């Protein structure tokens, strides 16, 4: 089991960048690694992937030295367990709205004494049992990155309690879902959304917890980075490809 380079960078105060991935070809992961991204978020919530396709994405990430994060479909111990067992170094759990939600997520991602993750060492994450069992359980607890998504007004309202939960490494503010919760779906730069996000960043920073968010422009990445957001997810593979193709077509057809 490898050391989690992303976790080390965050602990050192670095600002890190990585896209969400929906394309099923693991070559996309390799490209992201060669391009210099710090991590990729393999998206099972909104993407078409399965645990089998994710496993090959994780292998590709290991090959190019980029940290593989998996966003699961729900805050369910079985979903979290399967993603970590195939070697994901981080787990993103959606729709966290309360302290109880956060405790459930953190507990599902780590073994005793830090949690109650289902125990099996005959998995890819433990080199199919080739690793010493005691070393595996200890390293898994130490290296796993737990990221919880705050996507609704409830989560922002309960953020101080969520931040107090042991084992949460990053609170990720989902601007698009939050915009819907604020009654302005898709308008992520609306004052209502920005106000709640700024407040959340201030609370997390004061609590010493890393903050993350999603951006789809370089300008927004710089803005939130300057406000203290370390974990910046820049766009989605399909969106990056679409933007590049549109720009190319405009240049080709523009003469």
C-alpha atoms as a PDB file:
ATOM      1  CA  UNK A   1       0.000   0.000   0.000  1.00  0.00           C
ATOM      2  CA  UNK A   2       1.481   3.319  -1.114  1.00  0.00           C
ATOM      3  CA  UNK A   3       1.842   6.461   0.956  1.00  0.00           C
ATOM      4  CA  UNK A   4      -0.881   8.957   0.129  1.00  0.00           C
ATOM      5  CA  UNK A   5       0.987  11.810  -1.580  1.00  0.00           C
ATOM      6  CA  UNK A   6      -2.153  13.943  -1.710  1.00  0.00           C
ATOM      7  CA  UNK A   7      -2.671  13.680   2.034  1.00  0.00           C
ATOM      8  CA  UNK A   8       0.948  14.726   2.575  1.00  0.00           C
ATOM      9  CA  UNK A   9       0.552  17.753   0.290  1.00  0.00           C
ATOM     10  CA  UNK A  10      -2.585  18.887   2.102  1.00  0.00           C
ATOM     11  CA  UNK A  11      -0.906  18.489   5.493  1.00  0.00           C
ATOM     12  CA  UNK A  12       1.926  20.692   4.230  1.00  0.00           C
ATOM     13  CA  UNK A  13      -0.572  23.405   3.301  1.00  0.00           C
ATOM     14  CA  UNK A  14      -0.284  22.983  -0.466  1.00  0.00           C
ATOM     15  CA  UNK A  15      -3.085  23.848  -2.863  1.00  0.00           C
ATOM     16  CA  UNK A  16      -3.964  20.801  -4.980  1.00  0.00           C
ATOM     17  CA  UNK A  17      -5.908  20.330  -8.204  1.00  0.00           C
ATOM     18  CA  UNK A  18      -7.710  17.476  -9.938  1.00  0.00           C
ATOM     19  CA  UNK A  19     -10.723  16.821 -12.174  1.00  0.00           C
ATOM     20  CA  UNK A  20     -13.766  14.627 -11.792  1.00  0.00           C
ATOM     21  CA  UNK A  21     -13.727  11.702 -14.232  1.00  0.00           C
ATOM     22  CA  UNK A  22     -16.664  10.088 -16.027  1.00  0.00           C
ATOM     23  CA  UNK A  23     -14.936   8.623 -19.112  1.00  0.00           C
ATOM     24  CA  UNK A  24     -14.407   4.913 -18.598  1.00  0.00           C
ATOM     25  CA  UNK A  25     -11.042   4.553 -20.375  1.00  0.00           C
ATOM     26  CA  UNK A  26      -8.228   4.536 -17.767  1.00  0.00           C
ATOM     27  CA  UNK A  27      -6.059   6.358 -20.307  1.00  0.00           C
ATOM     28  CA  UNK A  28      -7.790   9.515 -19.057  1.00  0.00           C
ATOM     29  CA  UNK A  29      -6.269   8.924 -15.621  1.00  0.00           C
ATOM     30  CA  UNK A  30      -2.835   8.474 -17.148  1.00  0.00           C
ATOM     31  CA  UNK A  31      -3.223  11.701 -19.143  1.00  0.00           C
ATOM     32  CA  UNK A  32      -4.199  13.599 -15.977  1.00  0.00           C
ATOM     33  CA  UNK A  33      -1.128  12.253 -14.206  1.00  0.00           C
ATOM     34  CA  UNK A  34       1.214  13.130 -17.046  1.00  0.00           C
ATOM     35  CA  UNK A  35      -0.371  16.594 -17.230  1.00  0.00           C
ATOM     36  CA  UNK A  36       0.595  17.258 -13.608  1.00  0.00           C
ATOM     37  CA  UNK A  37      -2.707  17.089 -11.737  1.00  0.00           C
ATOM     38  CA  UNK A  38      -2.416  16.046  -8.096  1.00  0.00           C
ATOM     39  CA  UNK A  39      -5.460  13.764  -7.991  1.00  0.00           C
ATOM     40  CA  UNK A  40      -8.460  12.495  -9.918  1.00  0.00           C
ATOM     41  CA  UNK A  41     -11.970  11.969  -8.565  1.00  0.00           C
ATOM     42  CA  UNK A  42     -13.500   8.908 -10.206  1.00  0.00           C
ATOM     43  CA  UNK A  43     -17.191   9.704 -10.158  1.00  0.00           C
ATOM     44  CA  UNK A  44     -19.603   6.875  -9.435  1.00  0.00           C
ATOM     45  CA  UNK A  45     -22.403   9.199  -8.339  1.00  0.00           C
ATOM     46  CA  UNK A  46     -22.922  10.975 -11.662  1.00  0.00           C
ATOM     47  CA  UNK A  47     -20.791   8.817 -13.964  1.00  0.00           C
ATOM     48  CA  UNK A  48     -21.529   5.498 -15.705  1.00  0.00           C
ATOM     49  CA  UNK A  49     -18.691   3.566 -14.074  1.00  0.00           C
ATOM     50  CA  UNK A  50     -18.816   0.421 -11.984  1.00  0.00           C
ATOM     51  CA  UNK A  51     -16.496  -0.907  -9.314  1.00  0.00           C
ATOM     52  CA  UNK A  52     -14.800  -3.002 -12.048  1.00  0.00           C
ATOM     53  CA  UNK A  53     -14.017   0.014 -14.239  1.00  0.00           C
ATOM     54  CA  UNK A  54     -12.913   2.029 -11.220  1.00  0.00           C
ATOM     55  CA  UNK A  55     -10.394  -0.678 -10.340  1.00  0.00           C
ATOM     56  CA  UNK A  56      -8.599  -0.113 -13.649  1.00  0.00           C
ATOM     57  CA  UNK A  57      -8.655   3.650 -13.078  1.00  0.00           C
ATOM     58  CA  UNK A  58      -6.948   3.069  -9.733  1.00  0.00           C
ATOM     59  CA  UNK A  59      -4.290   0.920 -11.407  1.00  0.00           C
ATOM     60  CA  UNK A  60      -3.678   3.677 -13.969  1.00  0.00           C
ATOM     61  CA  UNK A  61      -3.359   6.253 -11.185  1.00  0.00           C
ATOM     62  CA  UNK A  62      -0.736   4.144  -9.436  1.00  0.00           C
ATOM     63  CA  UNK A  63       1.182   3.782 -12.706  1.00  0.00           C
ATOM     64  CA  UNK A  64       1.561   7.556 -13.148  1.00  0.00           C
ATOM     65  CA  UNK A  65       1.803   8.597  -9.495  1.00  0.00           C
ATOM     66  CA  UNK A  66      -1.484  10.461  -9.152  1.00  0.00           C
ATOM     67  CA  UNK A  67      -3.806   9.978  -6.171  1.00  0.00           C
ATOM     68  CA  UNK A  68      -7.076   8.126  -6.980  1.00  0.00           C
ATOM     69  CA  UNK A  69     -10.169   9.381  -5.162  1.00  0.00           C
ATOM     70  CA  UNK A  70     -13.562   7.728  -5.627  1.00  0.00           C
ATOM     71  CA  UNK A  71     -16.865   9.534  -5.186  1.00  0.00           C
ATOM     72  CA  UNK A  72     -19.407   6.921  -4.140  1.00  0.00           C
ATOM     73  CA  UNK A  73     -23.115   7.086  -4.877  1.00  0.00           C
ATOM     74  CA  UNK A  74     -24.243   7.422  -1.272  1.00  0.00           C
ATOM     75  CA  UNK A  75     -23.173   7.445   2.354  1.00  0.00           C
ATOM     76  CA  UNK A  76     -23.361   3.672   2.681  1.00  0.00           C
ATOM     77  CA  UNK A  77     -20.684   1.538   4.394  1.00  0.00           C
ATOM     78  CA  UNK A  78     -20.833  -1.118   1.672  1.00  0.00           C
ATOM     79  CA  UNK A  79     -20.202   1.418  -1.103  1.00  0.00           C
ATOM     80  CA  UNK A  80     -17.330   3.001   0.797  1.00  0.00           C
ATOM     81  CA  UNK A  81     -15.819  -0.381   1.661  1.00  0.00           C
ATOM     82  CA  UNK A  82     -15.762  -1.626  -1.931  1.00  0.00           C
ATOM     83  CA  UNK A  83     -14.084   1.513  -3.269  1.00  0.00           C
ATOM     84  CA  UNK A  84     -11.360   1.361  -0.634  1.00  0.00           C
ATOM     85  CA  UNK A  85     -10.836  -2.393  -1.005  1.00  0.00           C
ATOM     86  CA  UNK A  86      -9.871  -1.971  -4.682  1.00  0.00           C
ATOM     87  CA  UNK A  87      -7.200   0.549  -3.720  1.00  0.00           C
ATOM     88  CA  UNK A  88      -8.767   4.012  -3.746  1.00  0.00           C
ATOM     89  CA  UNK A  89      -6.643   6.272  -1.558  1.00  0.00           C
ATOM     90  CA  UNK A  90      -9.485   8.617  -0.812  1.00  0.00           C
ATOM     91  CA  UNK A  91     -13.235   8.483  -0.618  1.00  0.00           C
ATOM     92  CA  UNK A  92     -15.712  11.282  -1.310  1.00  0.00           C
ATOM     93  CA  UNK A  93     -19.110  10.848   0.303  1.00  0.00           C
ATOM     94  CA  UNK A  94     -22.056  12.925  -0.957  1.00  0.00           C
ATOM     95  CA  UNK A  95     -24.967  14.611   0.818  1.00  0.00           C
ATOM     96  CA  UNK A  96     -23.548  15.018   4.310  1.00  0.00           C
ATOM     97  CA  UNK A  97     -26.006  17.118   6.292  1.00  0.00           C
ATOM     98  CA  UNK A  98     -25.434  16.345   9.953  1.00  0.00           C
ATOM     99  CA  UNK A  99     -22.938  15.196  12.551  1.00  0.00           C
ATOM    100  CA  UNK A 100     -24.495  11.722  12.402  1.00  0.00           C
ATOM    101  CA  UNK A 101     -23.936  11.582   8.633  1.00  0.00           C
ATOM    102  CA  UNK A 102     -20.295  12.580   9.076  1.00  0.00           C
ATOM    103  CA  UNK A 103     -19.723  10.030  11.841  1.00  0.00           C
ATOM    104  CA  UNK A 104     -21.222   7.297   9.669  1.00  0.00           C
ATOM    105  CA  UNK A 105     -18.942   8.222   6.762  1.00  0.00           C
ATOM    106  CA  UNK A 106     -15.767   8.470   8.826  1.00  0.00           C
ATOM    107  CA  UNK A 107     -16.501   5.230  10.653  1.00  0.00           C
ATOM    108  CA  UNK A 108     -17.096   3.320   7.429  1.00  0.00           C
ATOM    109  CA  UNK A 109     -13.760   4.393   5.971  1.00  0.00           C
ATOM    110  CA  UNK A 110     -11.427   3.187   8.729  1.00  0.00           C
ATOM    111  CA  UNK A 111     -10.758   0.087  10.767  1.00  0.00           C
ATOM    112  CA  UNK A 112     -10.813  -0.247  14.561  1.00  0.00           C
ATOM    113  CA  UNK A 113      -9.945   1.717  16.658  1.00  0.00           C
ATOM    114  CA  UNK A 114     -10.813   4.611  14.321  1.00  0.00           C
ATOM    115  CA  UNK A 115     -13.912   3.093  12.752  1.00  0.00           C
ATOM    116  CA  UNK A 116     -15.776  -0.061  11.856  1.00  0.00           C
ATOM    117  CA  UNK A 117     -14.858  -0.691   8.217  1.00  0.00           C
ATOM    118  CA  UNK A 118     -15.594  -4.246   7.163  1.00  0.00           C
ATOM    119  CA  UNK A 119     -12.469  -6.345   7.629  1.00  0.00           C
ATOM    120  CA  UNK A 120     -10.931  -8.341   4.797  1.00  0.00           C
ATOM    121  CA  UNK A 121      -7.269  -8.476   3.863  1.00  0.00           C
ATOM    122  CA  UNK A 122      -7.839 -10.588   0.755  1.00  0.00           C
ATOM    123  CA  UNK A 123      -8.357  -7.481  -1.350  1.00  0.00           C
ATOM    124  CA  UNK A 124      -6.373  -5.471  -3.850  1.00  0.00           C
ATOM    125  CA  UNK A 125      -5.656  -2.708  -1.310  1.00  0.00           C
ATOM    126  CA  UNK A 126      -3.743  -5.265   0.803  1.00  0.00           C
ATOM    127  CA  UNK A 127      -1.953  -6.761  -2.206  1.00  0.00           C
ATOM    128  CA  UNK A 128      -4.416  -9.663  -2.101  1.00  0.00           C
ATOM    129  CA  UNK A 129      -3.087 -10.643   1.391  1.00  0.00           C
ATOM    130  CA  UNK A 130       0.614 -10.388   0.476  1.00  0.00           C
ATOM    131  CA  UNK A 131       0.930  -7.476   2.920  1.00  0.00           C
ATOM    132  CA  UNK A 132       1.430  -8.149   6.589  1.00  0.00           C
ATOM    133  CA  UNK A 133      -2.053  -7.969   8.062  1.00  0.00           C
ATOM    134  CA  UNK A 134      -1.209  -5.691  10.995  1.00  0.00           C
ATOM    135  CA  UNK A 135       0.725  -3.337   8.729  1.00  0.00           C
ATOM    136  CA  UNK A 136      -2.144  -3.202   6.255  1.00  0.00           C
ATOM    137  CA  UNK A 137      -4.817  -2.234   8.782  1.00  0.00           C
ATOM    138  CA  UNK A 138      -2.574   0.407  10.336  1.00  0.00           C
ATOM    139  CA  UNK A 139      -1.541   1.884   6.981  1.00  0.00           C
ATOM    140  CA  UNK A 140      -5.078   1.872   5.640  1.00  0.00           C
ATOM    141  CA  UNK A 141      -6.243   3.956   8.589  1.00  0.00           C
ATOM    142  CA  UNK A 142      -3.320   6.346   8.277  1.00  0.00           C
ATOM    143  CA  UNK A 143      -3.298   6.843   4.505  1.00  0.00           C
ATOM    144  CA  UNK A 144      -7.014   6.935   3.651  1.00  0.00           C
ATOM    145  CA  UNK A 145      -8.350  10.411   2.898  1.00  0.00           C
ATOM    146  CA  UNK A 146     -11.979  10.992   3.939  1.00  0.00           C
ATOM    147  CA  UNK A 147     -13.783  13.792   2.106  1.00  0.00           C
ATOM    148  CA  UNK A 148     -17.376  14.716   2.930  1.00  0.00           C
ATOM    149  CA  UNK A 149     -19.588  16.712   0.575  1.00  0.00           C
ATOM    150  CA  UNK A 150     -21.592  19.582   2.024  1.00  0.00           C
ATOM    151  CA  UNK A 151     -24.231  20.181  -0.624  1.00  0.00           C
ATOM    152  CA  UNK A 152     -27.294  21.583   1.085  1.00  0.00           C
ATOM    153  CA  UNK A 153     -28.417  24.290   3.458  1.00  0.00           C
ATOM    154  CA  UNK A 154     -28.694  21.674   6.220  1.00  0.00           C
ATOM    155  CA  UNK A 155     -25.030  20.775   5.878  1.00  0.00           C
ATOM    156  CA  UNK A 156     -23.945  24.411   6.041  1.00  0.00           C
ATOM    157  CA  UNK A 157     -26.191  24.994   9.067  1.00  0.00           C
ATOM    158  CA  UNK A 158     -24.698  21.968  10.842  1.00  0.00           C
ATOM    159  CA  UNK A 159     -21.138  22.553   9.651  1.00  0.00           C
ATOM    160  CA  UNK A 160     -19.630  23.314  13.052  1.00  0.00           C
ATOM    161  CA  UNK A 161     -20.850  19.942  14.377  1.00  0.00           C
ATOM    162  CA  UNK A 162     -19.663  18.168  11.228  1.00  0.00           C
ATOM    163  CA  UNK A 163     -16.225  19.756  11.554  1.00  0.00           C
ATOM    164  CA  UNK A 164     -15.881  18.374  15.073  1.00  0.00           C
ATOM    165  CA  UNK A 165     -16.125  14.762  13.874  1.00  0.00           C
ATOM    166  CA  UNK A 166     -12.827  12.903  14.197  1.00  0.00           C
ATOM    167  CA  UNK A 167     -11.581  11.359  10.990  1.00  0.00           C
ATOM    168  CA  UNK A 168     -12.869  13.947   8.499  1.00  0.00           C
ATOM    169  CA  UNK A 169      -9.921  15.138   6.412  1.00  0.00           C
ATOM    170  CA  UNK A 170     -11.651  17.464   3.934  1.00  0.00           C
ATOM    171  CA  UNK A 171     -15.040  19.184   3.785  1.00  0.00           C
ATOM    172  CA  UNK A 172     -16.007  19.648   0.162  1.00  0.00           C
ATOM    173  CA  UNK A 173     -18.481  22.400  -0.673  1.00  0.00           C
ATOM    174  CA  UNK A 174     -20.624  21.463  -3.662  1.00  0.00           C
ATOM    175  CA  UNK A 175     -21.592  24.781  -5.289  1.00  0.00           C
ATOM    176  CA  UNK A 176     -24.058  23.406  -7.815  1.00  0.00           C
ATOM    177  CA  UNK A 177     -26.120  21.415  -5.329  1.00  0.00           C
ATOM    178  CA  UNK A 178     -25.864  24.286  -2.881  1.00  0.00           C
ATOM    179  CA  UNK A 179     -27.178  26.675  -5.544  1.00  0.00           C
ATOM    180  CA  UNK A 180     -30.226  24.445  -5.945  1.00  0.00           C
ATOM    181  CA  UNK A 181     -30.724  24.348  -2.167  1.00  0.00           C
ATOM    182  CA  UNK A 182     -30.609  28.170  -2.189  1.00  0.00           C
ATOM    183  CA  UNK A 183     -33.303  28.311  -4.870  1.00  0.00           C
ATOM    184  CA  UNK A 184     -30.997  29.466  -7.672  1.00  0.00           C
ATOM    185  CA  UNK A 185     -30.032  26.206  -9.445  1.00  0.00           C
ATOM    186  CA  UNK A 186     -26.846  26.430 -11.480  1.00  0.00           C
ATOM    187  CA  UNK A 187     -26.095  30.023 -10.489  1.00  0.00           C
ATOM    188  CA  UNK A 188     -23.012  29.249  -8.445  1.00  0.00           C
ATOM    189  CA  UNK A 189     -21.858  32.873  -8.379  1.00  0.00           C
ATOM    190  CA  UNK A 190     -25.159  34.116  -6.965  1.00  0.00           C
ATOM    191  CA  UNK A 191     -24.654  36.135  -3.739  1.00  0.00           C
ATOM    192  CA  UNK A 192     -26.728  33.631  -1.724  1.00  0.00           C
ATOM    193  CA  UNK A 193     -24.422  30.784  -2.733  1.00  0.00           C
ATOM    194  CA  UNK A 194     -21.182  32.731  -2.373  1.00  0.00           C
ATOM    195  CA  UNK A 195     -22.188  33.978   1.068  1.00  0.00           C
ATOM    196  CA  UNK A 196     -22.864  30.468   2.378  1.00  0.00           C
ATOM    197  CA  UNK A 197     -19.661  29.127   0.859  1.00  0.00           C
ATOM    198  CA  UNK A 198     -17.546  31.945   2.294  1.00  0.00           C
ATOM    199  CA  UNK A 199     -19.085  31.339   5.714  1.00  0.00           C
ATOM    200  CA  UNK A 200     -18.338  27.619   5.429  1.00  0.00           C
ATOM    201  CA  UNK A 201     -14.723  28.263   4.429  1.00  0.00           C
ATOM    202  CA  UNK A 202     -14.263  30.542   7.440  1.00  0.00           C
ATOM    203  CA  UNK A 203     -15.681  27.930   9.824  1.00  0.00           C
ATOM    204  CA  UNK A 204     -13.579  25.100   8.421  1.00  0.00           C
ATOM    205  CA  UNK A 205     -10.410  27.174   8.397  1.00  0.00           C
ATOM    206  CA  UNK A 206     -10.972  28.160  12.032  1.00  0.00           C
ATOM    207  CA  UNK A 207     -11.453  24.480  12.911  1.00  0.00           C
ATOM    208  CA  UNK A 208      -8.252  23.489  11.124  1.00  0.00           C
ATOM    209  CA  UNK A 209     -10.034  21.291   8.572  1.00  0.00           C
ATOM    210  CA  UNK A 210      -9.066  21.377   4.886  1.00  0.00           C
ATOM    211  CA  UNK A 211     -11.704  22.859   2.577  1.00  0.00           C
ATOM    212  CA  UNK A 212     -12.419  21.733  -0.974  1.00  0.00           C
ATOM    213  CA  UNK A 213     -14.757  22.852  -3.724  1.00  0.00           C
ATOM    214  CA  UNK A 214     -15.572  22.439  -7.399  1.00  0.00           C
ATOM    215  CA  UNK A 215     -14.654  25.107  -9.939  1.00  0.00           C
ATOM    216  CA  UNK A 216     -15.032  25.225 -13.686  1.00  0.00           C
ATOM    217  CA  UNK A 217     -13.006  28.328 -14.465  1.00  0.00           C
ATOM    218  CA  UNK A 218      -9.398  29.184 -13.694  1.00  0.00           C
ATOM    219  CA  UNK A 219     -10.568  32.508 -12.283  1.00  0.00           C
ATOM    220  CA  UNK A 220     -12.827  30.814  -9.726  1.00  0.00           C
ATOM    221  CA  UNK A 221     -10.014  28.441  -8.803  1.00  0.00           C
ATOM    222  CA  UNK A 222      -7.787  31.412  -8.031  1.00  0.00           C
ATOM    223  CA  UNK A 223     -10.521  33.230  -6.114  1.00  0.00           C
ATOM    224  CA  UNK A 224     -11.365  30.321  -3.834  1.00  0.00           C
ATOM    225  CA  UNK A 225      -7.724  29.363  -3.477  1.00  0.00           C
ATOM    226  CA  UNK A 226      -6.896  32.840  -2.229  1.00  0.00           C
ATOM    227  CA  UNK A 227      -9.743  32.533   0.279  1.00  0.00           C
ATOM    228  CA  UNK A 228      -8.167  29.420   1.767  1.00  0.00           C
ATOM    229  CA  UNK A 229      -9.586  26.498  -0.248  1.00  0.00           C
ATOM    230  CA  UNK A 230      -6.805  23.917  -0.689  1.00  0.00           C
ATOM    231  CA  UNK A 231      -8.552  21.026  -2.424  1.00  0.00           C
ATOM    232  CA  UNK A 232      -9.743  22.321  -5.795  1.00  0.00           C
ATOM    233  CA  UNK A 233     -11.554  20.068  -8.195  1.00  0.00           C
ATOM    234  CA  UNK A 234     -11.252  21.642 -11.617  1.00  0.00           C
ATOM    235  CA  UNK A 235     -14.133  20.655 -13.899  1.00  0.00           C
ATOM    236  CA  UNK A 236     -14.895  17.219 -15.364  1.00  0.00           C
ATOM    237  CA  UNK A 237     -13.071  15.242 -18.037  1.00  0.00           C
ATOM    238  CA  UNK A 238     -16.016  15.398 -20.450  1.00  0.00           C
ATOM    239  CA  UNK A 239     -16.400  19.138 -19.913  1.00  0.00           C
ATOM    240  CA  UNK A 240     -12.680  19.767 -20.424  1.00  0.00           C
ATOM    241  CA  UNK A 241     -12.797  17.757 -23.665  1.00  0.00           C
ATOM    242  CA  UNK A 242     -15.962  19.505 -24.839  1.00  0.00           C
ATOM    243  CA  UNK A 243     -14.490  22.963 -24.174  1.00  0.00           C
ATOM    244  CA  UNK A 244     -11.273  22.067 -26.005  1.00  0.00           C
ATOM    245  CA  UNK A 245     -13.192  20.710 -29.004  1.00  0.00           C
ATOM    246  CA  UNK A 246     -15.479  23.748 -29.184  1.00  0.00           C
ATOM    247  CA  UNK A 247     -12.528  26.116 -29.049  1.00  0.00           C
ATOM    248  CA  UNK A 248     -10.735  24.159 -31.770  1.00  0.00           C
ATOM    249  CA  UNK A 249     -13.794  24.031 -34.020  1.00  0.00           C
ATOM    250  CA  UNK A 250     -14.337  27.770 -33.581  1.00  0.00           C
ATOM    251  CA  UNK A 251     -10.747  28.413 -34.668  1.00  0.00           C
ATOM    252  CA  UNK A 252     -10.978  26.016 -37.620  1.00  0.00           C
ATOM    253  CA  UNK A 253     -14.269  27.352 -38.902  1.00  0.00           C
ATOM    254  CA  UNK A 254     -13.469  30.933 -38.068  1.00  0.00           C
ATOM    255  CA  UNK A 255     -10.830  31.038 -40.765  1.00  0.00           C
END
